[in-house]
N, C-alpha and C. Protein backbone atom coordinates (compact mmCIF):
# COMPACT_ATOMS: atom_id res chain seq x y z
N MET A 1 105.63 40.55 83.85
CA MET A 1 105.19 41.25 82.66
C MET A 1 103.75 40.84 82.37
N LYS A 2 102.96 41.84 82.04
CA LYS A 2 101.56 41.55 81.81
C LYS A 2 101.10 41.92 80.41
N THR A 3 101.52 43.08 79.91
CA THR A 3 101.03 43.56 78.62
C THR A 3 102.11 43.38 77.55
N VAL A 4 101.67 42.89 76.40
CA VAL A 4 102.61 42.60 75.31
C VAL A 4 102.12 43.21 74.02
N LEU A 5 103.03 43.84 73.29
CA LEU A 5 102.75 44.37 71.95
C LEU A 5 103.54 43.52 70.96
N VAL A 6 102.83 42.93 70.00
CA VAL A 6 103.46 42.12 68.96
C VAL A 6 103.34 42.87 67.65
N VAL A 7 104.50 43.17 67.04
CA VAL A 7 104.51 43.95 65.80
C VAL A 7 105.14 43.09 64.71
N SER A 8 104.34 42.79 63.69
CA SER A 8 104.82 41.97 62.59
C SER A 8 104.01 42.29 61.35
N ALA A 9 104.64 42.26 60.20
CA ALA A 9 103.99 42.66 58.96
C ALA A 9 102.91 41.69 58.51
N THR A 10 103.10 40.39 58.77
CA THR A 10 102.14 39.42 58.25
C THR A 10 101.22 38.89 59.35
N GLU A 11 100.03 38.57 58.95
CA GLU A 11 99.03 38.02 59.89
C GLU A 11 99.52 36.69 60.44
N LYS A 12 100.15 35.88 59.59
CA LYS A 12 100.61 34.55 60.02
C LYS A 12 101.65 34.67 61.14
N SER A 13 102.61 35.58 61.00
CA SER A 13 103.63 35.71 62.04
C SER A 13 103.07 36.35 63.30
N ARG A 14 102.14 37.29 63.16
CA ARG A 14 101.48 37.85 64.34
C ARG A 14 100.75 36.76 65.11
N ALA A 15 100.05 35.90 64.36
CA ALA A 15 99.32 34.80 64.99
C ALA A 15 100.29 33.84 65.69
N PHE A 16 101.44 33.56 65.07
CA PHE A 16 102.43 32.68 65.69
C PHE A 16 102.88 33.23 67.05
N PHE A 17 103.27 34.52 67.07
CA PHE A 17 103.76 35.12 68.31
C PHE A 17 102.64 35.22 69.36
N CYS A 18 101.46 35.59 68.94
CA CYS A 18 100.33 35.70 69.89
C CYS A 18 99.99 34.33 70.48
N ASP A 19 99.95 33.30 69.64
CA ASP A 19 99.66 31.95 70.13
C ASP A 19 100.76 31.46 71.08
N PHE A 20 102.00 31.74 70.72
CA PHE A 20 103.12 31.37 71.58
C PHE A 20 103.00 32.04 72.94
N LEU A 21 102.72 33.35 72.95
CA LEU A 21 102.61 34.09 74.21
C LEU A 21 101.43 33.62 75.06
N ARG A 22 100.32 33.29 74.41
CA ARG A 22 99.17 32.76 75.16
C ARG A 22 99.53 31.43 75.82
N ALA A 23 100.30 30.61 75.11
CA ALA A 23 100.74 29.34 75.68
C ALA A 23 101.69 29.56 76.86
N CYS A 24 102.34 30.73 76.89
CA CYS A 24 103.23 31.09 78.01
C CYS A 24 102.50 31.87 79.09
N GLN A 25 101.17 31.85 79.06
CA GLN A 25 100.31 32.47 80.07
C GLN A 25 100.21 33.99 79.96
N TYR A 26 100.49 34.57 78.81
CA TYR A 26 100.26 36.00 78.59
C TYR A 26 98.89 36.14 77.94
N SER A 27 98.08 37.03 78.47
CA SER A 27 96.73 37.16 77.92
C SER A 27 96.44 38.55 77.35
N ASP A 28 97.15 39.58 77.82
CA ASP A 28 96.91 40.94 77.35
C ASP A 28 97.89 41.26 76.21
N ILE A 29 97.53 40.81 75.01
CA ILE A 29 98.41 40.91 73.85
C ILE A 29 97.76 41.80 72.80
N SER A 30 98.50 42.81 72.32
CA SER A 30 98.01 43.70 71.27
C SER A 30 98.85 43.49 70.02
N PRO A 31 98.22 43.10 68.91
CA PRO A 31 98.98 42.94 67.66
C PRO A 31 98.98 44.24 66.84
N ALA A 32 100.06 44.45 66.09
CA ALA A 32 100.15 45.59 65.18
C ALA A 32 100.90 45.14 63.93
N ALA A 33 100.54 45.74 62.79
CA ALA A 33 101.13 45.34 61.51
C ALA A 33 102.26 46.25 61.04
N SER A 34 102.45 47.39 61.70
CA SER A 34 103.48 48.34 61.26
C SER A 34 104.01 49.13 62.46
N ALA A 35 105.11 49.83 62.23
CA ALA A 35 105.67 50.68 63.28
C ALA A 35 104.72 51.82 63.61
N GLU A 36 104.07 52.34 62.59
CA GLU A 36 103.12 53.43 62.81
C GLU A 36 101.95 52.97 63.68
N GLU A 37 101.39 51.82 63.37
CA GLU A 37 100.28 51.28 64.16
C GLU A 37 100.75 50.98 65.59
N ALA A 38 101.94 50.43 65.73
CA ALA A 38 102.48 50.12 67.05
C ALA A 38 102.72 51.41 67.84
N GLY A 39 103.19 52.45 67.17
CA GLY A 39 103.41 53.73 67.83
C GLY A 39 102.12 54.31 68.38
N ALA A 40 101.04 54.18 67.61
CA ALA A 40 99.74 54.66 68.07
C ALA A 40 99.28 53.88 69.31
N LEU A 41 99.52 52.56 69.30
CA LEU A 41 99.16 51.75 70.46
C LEU A 41 100.01 52.14 71.68
N MET A 42 101.29 52.43 71.46
CA MET A 42 102.18 52.84 72.56
C MET A 42 101.77 54.20 73.12
N ASP A 43 101.23 55.06 72.26
CA ASP A 43 100.75 56.36 72.73
C ASP A 43 99.56 56.20 73.67
N ALA A 44 98.78 55.16 73.44
CA ALA A 44 97.56 54.94 74.22
C ALA A 44 97.82 54.26 75.56
N ARG A 45 98.88 53.45 75.65
CA ARG A 45 99.16 52.74 76.90
C ARG A 45 100.60 52.27 76.93
N GLU A 46 101.03 51.81 78.10
CA GLU A 46 102.38 51.27 78.26
C GLU A 46 102.35 49.76 78.10
N TYR A 47 103.41 49.22 77.51
CA TYR A 47 103.54 47.77 77.36
C TYR A 47 104.77 47.30 78.11
N ASP A 48 104.66 46.12 78.71
CA ASP A 48 105.78 45.54 79.43
C ASP A 48 106.77 44.88 78.47
N LEU A 49 106.26 44.37 77.37
CA LEU A 49 107.10 43.66 76.40
C LEU A 49 106.65 44.04 75.00
N CYS A 50 107.62 44.31 74.15
CA CYS A 50 107.34 44.60 72.74
C CYS A 50 108.18 43.64 71.91
N ILE A 51 107.49 42.79 71.11
CA ILE A 51 108.17 41.86 70.22
C ILE A 51 108.01 42.39 68.80
N ILE A 52 109.13 42.61 68.14
CA ILE A 52 109.13 43.17 66.78
C ILE A 52 109.73 42.14 65.84
N ASN A 53 108.92 41.71 64.87
CA ASN A 53 109.39 40.80 63.84
C ASN A 53 109.86 41.66 62.67
N ALA A 54 111.17 41.87 62.57
CA ALA A 54 111.73 42.79 61.58
C ALA A 54 112.03 42.08 60.26
N PRO A 55 111.96 42.83 59.17
CA PRO A 55 111.62 44.24 59.06
C PRO A 55 110.11 44.44 59.00
N LEU A 56 109.71 45.68 59.27
CA LEU A 56 108.30 46.06 59.17
C LEU A 56 108.10 46.79 57.86
N PRO A 57 106.86 46.94 57.42
CA PRO A 57 106.65 47.61 56.13
C PRO A 57 107.13 49.07 56.11
N ASP A 58 107.16 49.72 57.27
CA ASP A 58 107.52 51.13 57.31
C ASP A 58 108.77 51.41 58.15
N SER A 59 109.50 50.36 58.56
CA SER A 59 110.66 50.56 59.43
C SER A 59 111.43 49.26 59.56
N ASP A 60 112.69 49.38 59.97
CA ASP A 60 113.44 48.15 60.27
C ASP A 60 113.16 47.68 61.69
N GLY A 61 112.52 48.53 62.52
CA GLY A 61 112.12 48.15 63.87
C GLY A 61 113.01 48.69 64.98
N THR A 62 114.20 49.21 64.63
CA THR A 62 115.11 49.68 65.68
C THR A 62 114.54 50.87 66.44
N ALA A 63 114.02 51.85 65.74
CA ALA A 63 113.47 53.05 66.42
C ALA A 63 112.31 52.66 67.33
N LEU A 64 111.48 51.75 66.86
CA LEU A 64 110.34 51.30 67.67
C LEU A 64 110.81 50.56 68.92
N ALA A 65 111.81 49.70 68.77
CA ALA A 65 112.35 48.96 69.92
C ALA A 65 112.96 49.92 70.93
N LEU A 66 113.68 50.91 70.46
CA LEU A 66 114.28 51.90 71.36
C LEU A 66 113.21 52.73 72.06
N ARG A 67 112.16 53.07 71.32
CA ARG A 67 111.06 53.82 71.93
C ARG A 67 110.42 53.01 73.06
N ALA A 68 110.25 51.72 72.83
CA ALA A 68 109.62 50.86 73.84
C ALA A 68 110.44 50.81 75.12
N VAL A 69 111.77 50.71 75.01
CA VAL A 69 112.58 50.62 76.22
C VAL A 69 112.77 51.97 76.91
N HIS A 70 112.69 53.04 76.15
CA HIS A 70 112.89 54.37 76.74
C HIS A 70 111.60 55.01 77.24
N SER A 71 110.46 54.47 76.85
CA SER A 71 109.19 55.12 77.21
C SER A 71 108.65 54.70 78.56
N GLY A 72 109.29 53.81 79.22
CA GLY A 72 108.77 53.37 80.51
C GLY A 72 109.53 52.20 81.04
N ASN A 73 108.78 51.19 81.40
CA ASN A 73 109.37 50.01 82.03
C ASN A 73 109.42 48.83 81.08
N GLY A 74 109.25 49.07 79.80
CA GLY A 74 109.12 47.99 78.84
C GLY A 74 110.43 47.36 78.42
N GLN A 75 110.32 46.16 77.90
CA GLN A 75 111.43 45.42 77.33
C GLN A 75 111.12 45.20 75.85
N SER A 76 112.16 45.17 75.02
CA SER A 76 111.96 44.95 73.59
C SER A 76 112.76 43.75 73.11
N LEU A 77 112.14 43.04 72.19
CA LEU A 77 112.78 41.90 71.53
C LEU A 77 112.60 42.06 70.04
N ILE A 78 113.70 42.06 69.31
CA ILE A 78 113.65 42.10 67.85
C ILE A 78 113.99 40.71 67.33
N VAL A 79 113.15 40.22 66.44
CA VAL A 79 113.38 38.95 65.76
C VAL A 79 113.69 39.31 64.31
N ALA A 80 114.90 38.98 63.85
CA ALA A 80 115.31 39.39 62.50
C ALA A 80 116.23 38.34 61.88
N ALA A 81 116.33 38.41 60.56
CA ALA A 81 117.27 37.55 59.84
C ALA A 81 118.69 37.90 60.30
N GLU A 82 119.59 36.94 60.24
CA GLU A 82 120.95 37.11 60.76
C GLU A 82 121.63 38.37 60.24
N LYS A 83 121.55 38.62 58.95
CA LYS A 83 122.24 39.78 58.37
C LYS A 83 121.65 41.08 58.91
N LEU A 84 120.33 41.18 58.96
CA LEU A 84 119.68 42.38 59.49
C LEU A 84 119.96 42.52 60.98
N ALA A 85 119.96 41.42 61.70
CA ALA A 85 120.22 41.45 63.14
C ALA A 85 121.61 41.99 63.43
N GLU A 86 122.60 41.57 62.66
CA GLU A 86 123.97 42.06 62.86
C GLU A 86 124.05 43.57 62.66
N ASN A 87 123.33 44.09 61.68
CA ASN A 87 123.32 45.54 61.43
C ASN A 87 122.62 46.30 62.56
N MET A 88 121.65 45.67 63.22
CA MET A 88 120.87 46.34 64.27
C MET A 88 121.57 46.32 65.63
N ARG A 89 122.37 45.32 65.88
CA ARG A 89 122.94 45.11 67.21
C ARG A 89 123.59 46.37 67.79
N ALA A 90 124.43 47.01 67.02
CA ALA A 90 125.15 48.18 67.52
C ALA A 90 124.19 49.30 67.93
N ALA A 91 123.09 49.40 67.23
CA ALA A 91 122.14 50.48 67.50
C ALA A 91 121.25 50.23 68.71
N VAL A 92 120.99 48.95 69.04
CA VAL A 92 119.96 48.68 70.06
C VAL A 92 120.44 47.93 71.31
N GLU A 93 121.47 47.12 71.20
CA GLU A 93 121.84 46.30 72.35
C GLU A 93 122.30 47.11 73.55
N SER A 94 122.98 48.24 73.31
CA SER A 94 123.44 49.06 74.44
C SER A 94 122.26 49.66 75.21
N ALA A 95 121.09 49.75 74.58
CA ALA A 95 119.88 50.26 75.23
C ALA A 95 119.13 49.13 75.95
N GLY A 96 119.59 47.90 75.80
CA GLY A 96 118.93 46.78 76.48
C GLY A 96 117.92 46.04 75.64
N VAL A 97 117.94 46.24 74.33
CA VAL A 97 117.03 45.53 73.43
C VAL A 97 117.61 44.15 73.14
N PHE A 98 116.80 43.12 73.28
CA PHE A 98 117.20 41.75 72.98
C PHE A 98 117.01 41.50 71.48
N ILE A 99 117.88 40.70 70.90
CA ILE A 99 117.76 40.33 69.49
C ILE A 99 117.94 38.82 69.38
N ILE A 100 117.02 38.19 68.65
CA ILE A 100 117.21 36.78 68.29
C ILE A 100 117.05 36.67 66.78
N THR A 101 117.68 35.67 66.22
CA THR A 101 117.69 35.56 64.76
C THR A 101 116.69 34.51 64.27
N LYS A 102 116.29 34.71 63.03
CA LYS A 102 115.39 33.77 62.36
C LYS A 102 116.24 32.68 61.74
N PRO A 103 115.73 31.49 61.58
CA PRO A 103 114.40 31.04 61.95
C PRO A 103 114.27 30.91 63.47
N VAL A 104 113.09 31.22 63.97
CA VAL A 104 112.84 31.26 65.40
C VAL A 104 112.57 29.85 65.92
N ARG A 105 113.35 29.47 66.90
CA ARG A 105 113.09 28.21 67.60
C ARG A 105 112.31 28.54 68.86
N ARG A 106 111.31 27.74 69.16
CA ARG A 106 110.45 27.99 70.33
C ARG A 106 111.24 28.06 71.64
N ASP A 107 112.22 27.17 71.82
CA ASP A 107 112.97 27.18 73.06
C ASP A 107 113.81 28.45 73.21
N VAL A 108 114.36 28.94 72.11
CA VAL A 108 115.14 30.18 72.15
C VAL A 108 114.22 31.36 72.44
N LEU A 109 113.06 31.38 71.80
CA LEU A 109 112.08 32.44 72.05
C LEU A 109 111.62 32.41 73.50
N TRP A 110 111.33 31.21 74.01
CA TRP A 110 110.89 31.07 75.40
C TRP A 110 111.95 31.58 76.36
N ASN A 111 113.22 31.21 76.13
CA ASN A 111 114.30 31.68 76.99
C ASN A 111 114.45 33.20 76.93
N ALA A 112 114.31 33.76 75.75
CA ALA A 112 114.42 35.22 75.60
C ALA A 112 113.30 35.91 76.36
N VAL A 113 112.07 35.44 76.21
CA VAL A 113 110.93 36.05 76.90
C VAL A 113 111.09 35.89 78.41
N ARG A 114 111.52 34.74 78.85
CA ARG A 114 111.71 34.49 80.28
C ARG A 114 112.81 35.39 80.85
N ASN A 115 113.92 35.53 80.13
CA ASN A 115 114.99 36.42 80.58
C ASN A 115 114.53 37.87 80.61
N MET A 116 113.73 38.25 79.64
CA MET A 116 113.21 39.61 79.63
C MET A 116 112.27 39.85 80.80
N ALA A 117 111.53 38.84 81.19
CA ALA A 117 110.64 38.97 82.35
C ALA A 117 111.47 39.17 83.62
N VAL A 118 112.59 38.46 83.73
CA VAL A 118 113.46 38.64 84.88
C VAL A 118 114.02 40.06 84.93
N VAL A 119 114.48 40.54 83.78
CA VAL A 119 115.01 41.91 83.71
C VAL A 119 113.92 42.92 84.03
N HIS A 120 112.73 42.70 83.49
CA HIS A 120 111.61 43.60 83.75
C HIS A 120 111.29 43.67 85.23
N ASN A 121 111.22 42.52 85.88
CA ASN A 121 110.91 42.50 87.31
C ASN A 121 111.99 43.20 88.12
N ARG A 122 113.22 42.97 87.77
CA ARG A 122 114.34 43.61 88.49
C ARG A 122 114.30 45.12 88.29
N MET A 123 114.05 45.56 87.06
CA MET A 123 113.98 47.00 86.79
C MET A 123 112.79 47.63 87.51
N SER A 124 111.67 46.93 87.58
CA SER A 124 110.50 47.45 88.30
C SER A 124 110.83 47.65 89.76
N ALA A 125 111.51 46.68 90.35
CA ALA A 125 111.88 46.80 91.76
C ALA A 125 112.85 47.96 91.97
N MET A 126 113.78 48.13 91.06
CA MET A 126 114.73 49.24 91.17
C MET A 126 114.04 50.59 91.00
N ARG A 127 113.08 50.66 90.09
CA ARG A 127 112.34 51.92 89.91
C ARG A 127 111.53 52.26 91.16
N GLU A 128 110.91 51.25 91.75
CA GLU A 128 110.17 51.47 93.00
C GLU A 128 111.08 51.96 94.10
N GLN A 129 112.23 51.33 94.22
CA GLN A 129 113.20 51.73 95.24
C GLN A 129 113.68 53.15 94.97
N ASN A 130 113.91 53.49 93.72
CA ASN A 130 114.34 54.83 93.35
C ASN A 130 113.29 55.87 93.72
N GLU A 131 112.03 55.56 93.46
CA GLU A 131 110.94 56.48 93.81
C GLU A 131 110.84 56.67 95.31
N THR A 132 111.01 55.59 96.06
CA THR A 132 110.99 55.67 97.52
C THR A 132 112.12 56.56 98.02
N LEU A 133 113.31 56.38 97.47
CA LEU A 133 114.45 57.20 97.88
C LEU A 133 114.25 58.67 97.50
N LYS A 134 113.68 58.91 96.32
CA LYS A 134 113.38 60.29 95.92
C LYS A 134 112.42 60.94 96.90
N GLN A 135 111.39 60.20 97.30
CA GLN A 135 110.41 60.73 98.25
C GLN A 135 111.06 61.02 99.59
N LYS A 136 111.93 60.12 100.04
CA LYS A 136 112.62 60.34 101.32
C LYS A 136 113.50 61.58 101.25
N LEU A 137 114.22 61.76 100.15
CA LEU A 137 115.05 62.95 99.99
C LEU A 137 114.21 64.22 99.97
N GLU A 138 113.09 64.15 99.30
CA GLU A 138 112.17 65.29 99.25
C GLU A 138 111.65 65.60 100.65
N ASP A 139 111.29 64.57 101.40
CA ASP A 139 110.83 64.77 102.77
C ASP A 139 111.91 65.40 103.64
N VAL A 140 113.15 64.93 103.51
CA VAL A 140 114.25 65.50 104.30
C VAL A 140 114.40 66.99 104.00
N LYS A 141 114.28 67.33 102.73
CA LYS A 141 114.38 68.74 102.34
C LYS A 141 113.29 69.57 103.03
N TYR A 142 112.06 69.08 103.00
CA TYR A 142 110.96 69.80 103.64
C TYR A 142 111.11 69.82 105.16
N ILE A 143 111.55 68.72 105.74
CA ILE A 143 111.74 68.66 107.19
C ILE A 143 112.80 69.68 107.63
N ASN A 144 113.90 69.73 106.91
CA ASN A 144 114.94 70.70 107.26
C ASN A 144 114.44 72.14 107.13
N ARG A 145 113.68 72.41 106.09
CA ARG A 145 113.13 73.75 105.91
C ARG A 145 112.14 74.08 107.03
N ALA A 146 111.29 73.10 107.38
CA ALA A 146 110.31 73.33 108.46
C ALA A 146 111.02 73.53 109.80
N LYS A 147 112.07 72.76 110.06
CA LYS A 147 112.81 72.95 111.30
C LYS A 147 113.42 74.35 111.35
N SER A 148 113.93 74.80 110.22
CA SER A 148 114.50 76.14 110.16
C SER A 148 113.44 77.20 110.45
N ILE A 149 112.26 77.02 109.91
CA ILE A 149 111.15 77.94 110.14
C ILE A 149 110.76 77.94 111.62
N LEU A 150 110.65 76.75 112.22
CA LEU A 150 110.30 76.65 113.64
C LEU A 150 111.38 77.28 114.52
N MET A 151 112.63 77.10 114.13
CA MET A 151 113.73 77.65 114.92
C MET A 151 113.77 79.18 114.85
N THR A 152 113.54 79.73 113.68
CA THR A 152 113.57 81.19 113.56
C THR A 152 112.25 81.83 113.96
N GLY A 153 111.15 81.24 113.55
CA GLY A 153 109.84 81.84 113.82
C GLY A 153 109.36 81.65 115.25
N LEU A 154 109.59 80.46 115.81
CA LEU A 154 109.10 80.16 117.16
C LEU A 154 110.23 80.04 118.18
N LYS A 155 111.43 80.36 117.75
CA LYS A 155 112.61 80.35 118.63
C LYS A 155 112.84 78.99 119.29
N MET A 156 112.56 77.91 118.56
CA MET A 156 112.84 76.56 119.06
C MET A 156 114.29 76.22 118.78
N SER A 157 114.83 75.32 119.59
CA SER A 157 116.15 74.77 119.28
C SER A 157 115.96 73.71 118.19
N GLU A 158 117.06 73.27 117.60
CA GLU A 158 116.96 72.25 116.54
C GLU A 158 116.35 70.96 117.08
N PRO A 159 116.77 70.47 118.26
CA PRO A 159 116.13 69.26 118.80
C PRO A 159 114.64 69.47 119.11
N GLN A 160 114.27 70.65 119.57
CA GLN A 160 112.86 70.93 119.86
C GLN A 160 112.04 70.92 118.57
N ALA A 161 112.57 71.54 117.52
CA ALA A 161 111.87 71.57 116.24
C ALA A 161 111.72 70.16 115.68
N HIS A 162 112.77 69.37 115.81
CA HIS A 162 112.73 67.99 115.33
C HIS A 162 111.68 67.19 116.12
N ARG A 163 111.69 67.35 117.42
CA ARG A 163 110.73 66.63 118.27
C ARG A 163 109.30 67.08 117.97
N PHE A 164 109.10 68.38 117.72
CA PHE A 164 107.78 68.91 117.38
C PHE A 164 107.24 68.21 116.12
N ILE A 165 108.07 68.10 115.11
CA ILE A 165 107.65 67.47 113.85
C ILE A 165 107.35 65.99 114.08
N GLU A 166 108.21 65.31 114.82
CA GLU A 166 107.97 63.89 115.11
C GLU A 166 106.67 63.69 115.89
N LYS A 167 106.45 64.52 116.90
CA LYS A 167 105.26 64.39 117.74
C LYS A 167 103.99 64.65 116.94
N GLN A 168 104.01 65.67 116.09
CA GLN A 168 102.85 65.97 115.25
C GLN A 168 102.56 64.81 114.29
N ALA A 169 103.61 64.24 113.76
CA ALA A 169 103.44 63.10 112.84
C ALA A 169 102.80 61.91 113.55
N MET A 170 103.25 61.63 114.77
CA MET A 170 102.69 60.50 115.52
C MET A 170 101.24 60.78 115.92
N GLU A 171 100.99 61.98 116.42
CA GLU A 171 99.63 62.30 116.87
C GLU A 171 98.63 62.34 115.73
N ARG A 172 99.03 62.85 114.59
CA ARG A 172 98.11 62.97 113.45
C ARG A 172 98.15 61.77 112.51
N ARG A 173 99.08 60.88 112.81
CA ARG A 173 99.25 59.67 111.98
C ARG A 173 99.50 59.99 110.51
N ILE A 174 100.42 60.91 110.33
CA ILE A 174 100.88 61.28 108.99
C ILE A 174 102.40 61.25 109.00
N THR A 175 102.99 61.38 107.85
CA THR A 175 104.45 61.33 107.77
C THR A 175 105.05 62.64 108.27
N LYS A 176 106.34 62.56 108.65
CA LYS A 176 107.04 63.77 109.06
C LYS A 176 107.14 64.74 107.89
N GLY A 177 107.24 64.21 106.69
CA GLY A 177 107.27 65.07 105.50
C GLY A 177 105.99 65.87 105.35
N GLU A 178 104.85 65.23 105.62
CA GLU A 178 103.57 65.93 105.52
C GLU A 178 103.46 67.00 106.60
N VAL A 179 103.90 66.70 107.82
CA VAL A 179 103.91 67.71 108.88
C VAL A 179 104.77 68.89 108.45
N ALA A 180 105.95 68.59 107.90
CA ALA A 180 106.85 69.65 107.46
C ALA A 180 106.19 70.52 106.38
N ARG A 181 105.51 69.90 105.44
CA ARG A 181 104.82 70.68 104.39
C ARG A 181 103.76 71.59 105.01
N ARG A 182 103.05 71.06 106.00
CA ARG A 182 102.02 71.87 106.66
C ARG A 182 102.63 73.05 107.41
N VAL A 183 103.76 72.81 108.09
CA VAL A 183 104.45 73.90 108.79
C VAL A 183 104.87 74.97 107.79
N ILE A 184 105.45 74.53 106.69
CA ILE A 184 105.90 75.48 105.66
C ILE A 184 104.72 76.25 105.09
N ASN A 185 103.64 75.55 104.76
CA ASN A 185 102.45 76.23 104.21
C ASN A 185 101.88 77.24 105.21
N THR A 186 101.82 76.86 106.47
CA THR A 186 101.31 77.76 107.50
C THR A 186 102.18 79.00 107.60
N TYR A 187 103.49 78.81 107.59
CA TYR A 187 104.41 79.94 107.69
C TYR A 187 104.31 80.85 106.47
N VAL A 188 104.26 80.27 105.30
CA VAL A 188 104.18 81.06 104.06
C VAL A 188 102.87 81.83 104.02
N ILE A 189 101.76 81.19 104.36
CA ILE A 189 100.45 81.87 104.34
C ILE A 189 100.39 82.97 105.38
N SER A 190 100.87 82.70 106.60
CA SER A 190 100.80 83.73 107.64
C SER A 190 101.71 84.92 107.30
N ASN A 191 102.86 84.66 106.70
CA ASN A 191 103.73 85.76 106.29
C ASN A 191 103.14 86.53 105.12
N TYR A 192 102.46 85.85 104.25
CA TYR A 192 101.84 86.49 103.08
C TYR A 192 100.72 87.42 103.52
N GLU A 193 99.94 87.00 104.52
CA GLU A 193 98.80 87.80 104.98
C GLU A 193 99.25 89.00 105.78
N GLU A 194 100.43 88.95 106.38
CA GLU A 194 100.91 90.10 107.18
C GLU A 194 101.38 91.12 106.25
């Protein structure tokens, strides 16, 4: 985790969280005094971690915490009094928002931030893997379509069409998916011009 948004109503508590995070080697920290101000900061960029000291002057913090976890790869931590925390749990924990209660102990805060970093790293790896798999599926779709075009348009057999795509990819040093896209584009353009 690299970027952190700290949302707290008072300057003293914002300073506490910012100083704590700097001591934990976080340097890209953005403070905000309200949910509205934090929302504007979230519109401008993505944050890896959002710490909300609840309640805020314009919100209890639940909507903001949920926005942080749903808007990208971010993790949210709500720090609230026990009674408020109990009321929030049902609304936010199923979405993966962490909650710790006041008064805040440094060791509990450190463990929460560290656990959130582990979750963040794991989720980042899973998102990367998911994107890779999506790209592979997309490539397979294009490769199958290109093979079909080569088989019908150039009367190749399926193995010949497959070998043609593989050979073009090796010779041009591009992916088979890119070769397939080029075959499809060539076929579509040549049919359009006829």
